[in-house]
Amino acid sequence: MGVSLSDLPPRAREQALAKLAASDARRKPAKRPKATDGRSDLEASLLGQIRMAGLPAPVEQFRFAPPRKWRFDGAYPDRMIAYEIDGATHSGGRHVRGSGVEVDCLKMSTAAMLGFRVMRFTGRMVEDGTALALVRAILEQP
């Protein structure tokens, strides 16, 4: 089952709501090229935020359903928690086109059948700190 804002501890919920309210829904997101190590800039950014916050580092590009080549952008396999960052959501990227949505649905449904709780983030959520607040909140759950 996913995490909703009502599931978050009060402090994390307040922070997430404040950041959502402060974001400007009309601004155009910058183009996000891949980092030189194969990670997207968004993946590198969230990983840096996680490390700076003193949270445990996730396993990057965790392959969760062999022989499929599906990978999570980040995962805590011992806790069956993962996250995916959907870039280019405002510019017609793969995650918002029909075939991409279908593949993502199959991937997320398979992850759920295997017992993973998967959080999905947009680029804006990484940039404004909402993704970090949600990662912190889920890691603080027993």
Protein backbone atom coordinates (compact mmCIF):
# COMPACT_ATOMS: atom_id res chain seq x y z
CA MET A 1 0.00 0.00 0.00
CA GLY A 2 1.32 3.50 -0.84
CA VAL A 3 1.91 6.37 1.53
CA SER A 4 -0.49 9.27 1.53
CA LEU A 5 0.04 12.63 3.18
CA SER A 6 -2.30 11.57 5.98
CA ASP A 7 0.07 8.65 6.74
CA LEU A 8 3.03 10.96 7.35
CA PRO A 9 4.08 12.04 10.84
CA PRO A 10 2.74 15.54 11.60
CA ARG A 11 6.09 17.33 11.10
CA ALA A 12 6.82 15.62 7.77
CA ARG A 13 3.23 16.22 6.59
CA GLU A 14 3.47 19.94 7.44
CA GLN A 15 6.80 20.24 5.62
CA ALA A 16 5.52 18.42 2.54
CA LEU A 17 2.35 20.53 2.39
CA ALA A 18 4.28 23.77 2.86
CA LYS A 19 6.64 22.86 0.03
CA LEU A 20 3.78 21.87 -2.24
CA ALA A 21 1.96 25.12 -1.52
CA ALA A 22 5.09 27.16 -2.19
CA SER A 23 5.82 25.55 -5.56
CA ASP A 24 4.84 27.48 -8.64
CA ALA A 25 2.76 25.18 -10.83
CA ARG A 26 3.18 27.47 -13.82
CA ARG A 27 6.97 27.55 -14.02
CA LYS A 28 8.66 25.68 -16.83
CA PRO A 29 11.04 22.97 -15.60
CA ALA A 30 14.57 23.04 -16.95
CA LYS A 31 15.74 20.30 -19.30
CA ARG A 32 17.50 17.61 -17.30
CA PRO A 33 20.32 15.81 -19.08
CA LYS A 34 21.76 12.53 -17.86
CA ALA A 35 24.70 12.79 -15.49
CA THR A 36 27.97 11.37 -16.79
CA ASP A 37 27.73 8.28 -14.53
CA GLY A 38 24.41 7.13 -16.06
CA ARG A 39 22.20 8.58 -13.32
CA SER A 40 19.86 11.38 -14.21
CA ASP A 41 20.55 14.74 -12.60
CA LEU A 42 17.37 14.26 -10.59
CA GLU A 43 18.54 10.89 -9.26
CA ALA A 44 21.91 12.40 -8.32
CA SER A 45 20.18 15.34 -6.66
CA LEU A 46 17.88 13.19 -4.52
CA LEU A 47 20.75 10.90 -3.56
CA GLY A 48 22.77 13.94 -2.47
CA GLN A 49 19.82 15.24 -0.44
CA ILE A 50 19.39 11.85 1.24
CA ARG A 51 23.07 11.74 2.17
CA MET A 52 23.11 15.33 3.44
CA ALA A 53 20.05 14.58 5.59
CA GLY A 54 21.94 11.71 7.23
CA LEU A 55 19.52 9.08 5.96
CA PRO A 56 20.70 5.64 4.85
CA ALA A 57 21.77 5.59 1.22
CA PRO A 58 19.53 3.56 -1.10
CA VAL A 59 20.75 0.91 -3.48
CA GLU A 60 20.89 2.73 -6.80
CA GLN A 61 19.42 1.17 -9.94
CA PHE A 62 18.18 -1.85 -7.99
CA ARG A 63 17.05 -4.65 -10.30
CA PHE A 64 13.98 -6.10 -8.62
CA ALA A 65 12.35 -8.63 -10.96
CA PRO A 66 14.93 -10.75 -12.80
CA PRO A 67 14.94 -11.85 -15.56
CA ARG A 68 13.21 -8.53 -16.38
CA LYS A 69 15.62 -5.63 -16.69
CA TRP A 70 13.45 -3.33 -14.60
CA ARG A 71 15.25 -1.24 -12.05
CA PHE A 72 14.18 1.16 -9.34
CA ASP A 73 15.99 4.50 -9.29
CA GLY A 74 16.60 3.85 -5.59
CA ALA A 75 15.63 1.06 -3.21
CA TYR A 76 15.92 -0.18 0.33
CA PRO A 77 15.49 -3.87 -0.51
CA ASP A 78 15.73 -5.02 3.11
CA ARG A 79 12.65 -2.87 3.86
CA MET A 80 10.92 -3.53 0.50
CA ILE A 81 10.82 0.23 -0.17
CA ALA A 82 11.71 1.86 -3.47
CA TYR A 83 11.36 5.10 -5.36
CA GLU A 84 11.09 6.15 -8.97
CA ILE A 85 11.68 9.63 -10.34
CA ASP A 86 9.59 10.49 -13.38
CA GLY A 87 11.44 13.22 -15.25
CA ALA A 88 10.01 15.32 -18.07
CA THR A 89 6.46 15.04 -16.77
CA HIS A 90 5.67 18.57 -17.96
CA SER A 91 7.33 18.31 -21.35
CA GLY A 92 5.84 15.16 -22.85
CA GLY A 93 8.49 12.72 -21.63
CA ARG A 94 8.25 8.94 -21.73
CA HIS A 95 6.40 8.70 -18.40
CA VAL A 96 3.40 10.65 -19.74
CA ARG A 97 3.05 9.06 -23.18
CA GLY A 98 0.67 6.13 -23.67
CA SER A 99 3.22 3.36 -24.17
CA GLY A 100 5.40 4.67 -21.34
CA VAL A 101 2.46 4.82 -18.96
CA GLU A 102 1.53 1.22 -19.81
CA VAL A 103 5.07 -0.03 -19.18
CA ASP A 104 5.20 1.91 -15.90
CA CYS A 105 1.85 0.41 -14.85
CA LEU A 106 3.13 -3.12 -15.51
CA LYS A 107 6.38 -2.38 -13.68
CA MET A 108 4.64 -0.87 -10.63
CA SER A 109 2.02 -3.64 -10.52
CA THR A 110 4.76 -6.28 -10.61
CA ALA A 111 6.62 -4.45 -7.84
CA ALA A 112 3.43 -4.41 -5.74
CA MET A 113 2.89 -8.14 -6.30
CA LEU A 114 6.44 -8.72 -5.04
CA GLY A 115 5.67 -6.68 -1.91
CA PHE A 116 7.49 -3.42 -2.68
CA ARG A 117 6.13 -0.08 -1.54
CA VAL A 118 7.12 2.26 -4.36
CA MET A 119 7.06 6.04 -4.13
CA ARG A 120 6.96 8.00 -7.38
CA PHE A 121 8.33 11.52 -7.59
CA THR A 122 8.33 14.22 -10.23
CA GLY A 123 11.34 16.42 -10.88
CA ARG A 124 9.67 19.28 -9.08
CA MET A 125 9.20 17.09 -5.99
CA VAL A 126 12.94 16.37 -5.96
CA GLU A 127 13.83 20.02 -6.49
CA ASP A 128 11.54 21.42 -3.79
CA GLY A 129 12.39 18.84 -1.11
CA THR A 130 9.06 17.00 -1.11
CA ALA A 131 10.69 13.76 -2.28
CA LEU A 132 13.25 13.93 0.54
CA ALA A 133 10.50 14.57 3.12
CA LEU A 134 8.59 11.52 1.88
CA VAL A 135 11.70 9.29 1.87
CA ARG A 136 12.46 10.41 5.43
CA ALA A 137 8.85 9.74 6.50
CA ILE A 138 8.72 6.22 5.08
CA LEU A 139 12.12 5.32 6.54
CA GLU A 140 10.93 6.50 9.98
CA GLN A 141 8.01 4.07 9.89
CA PRO A 142 8.50 0.91 11.94
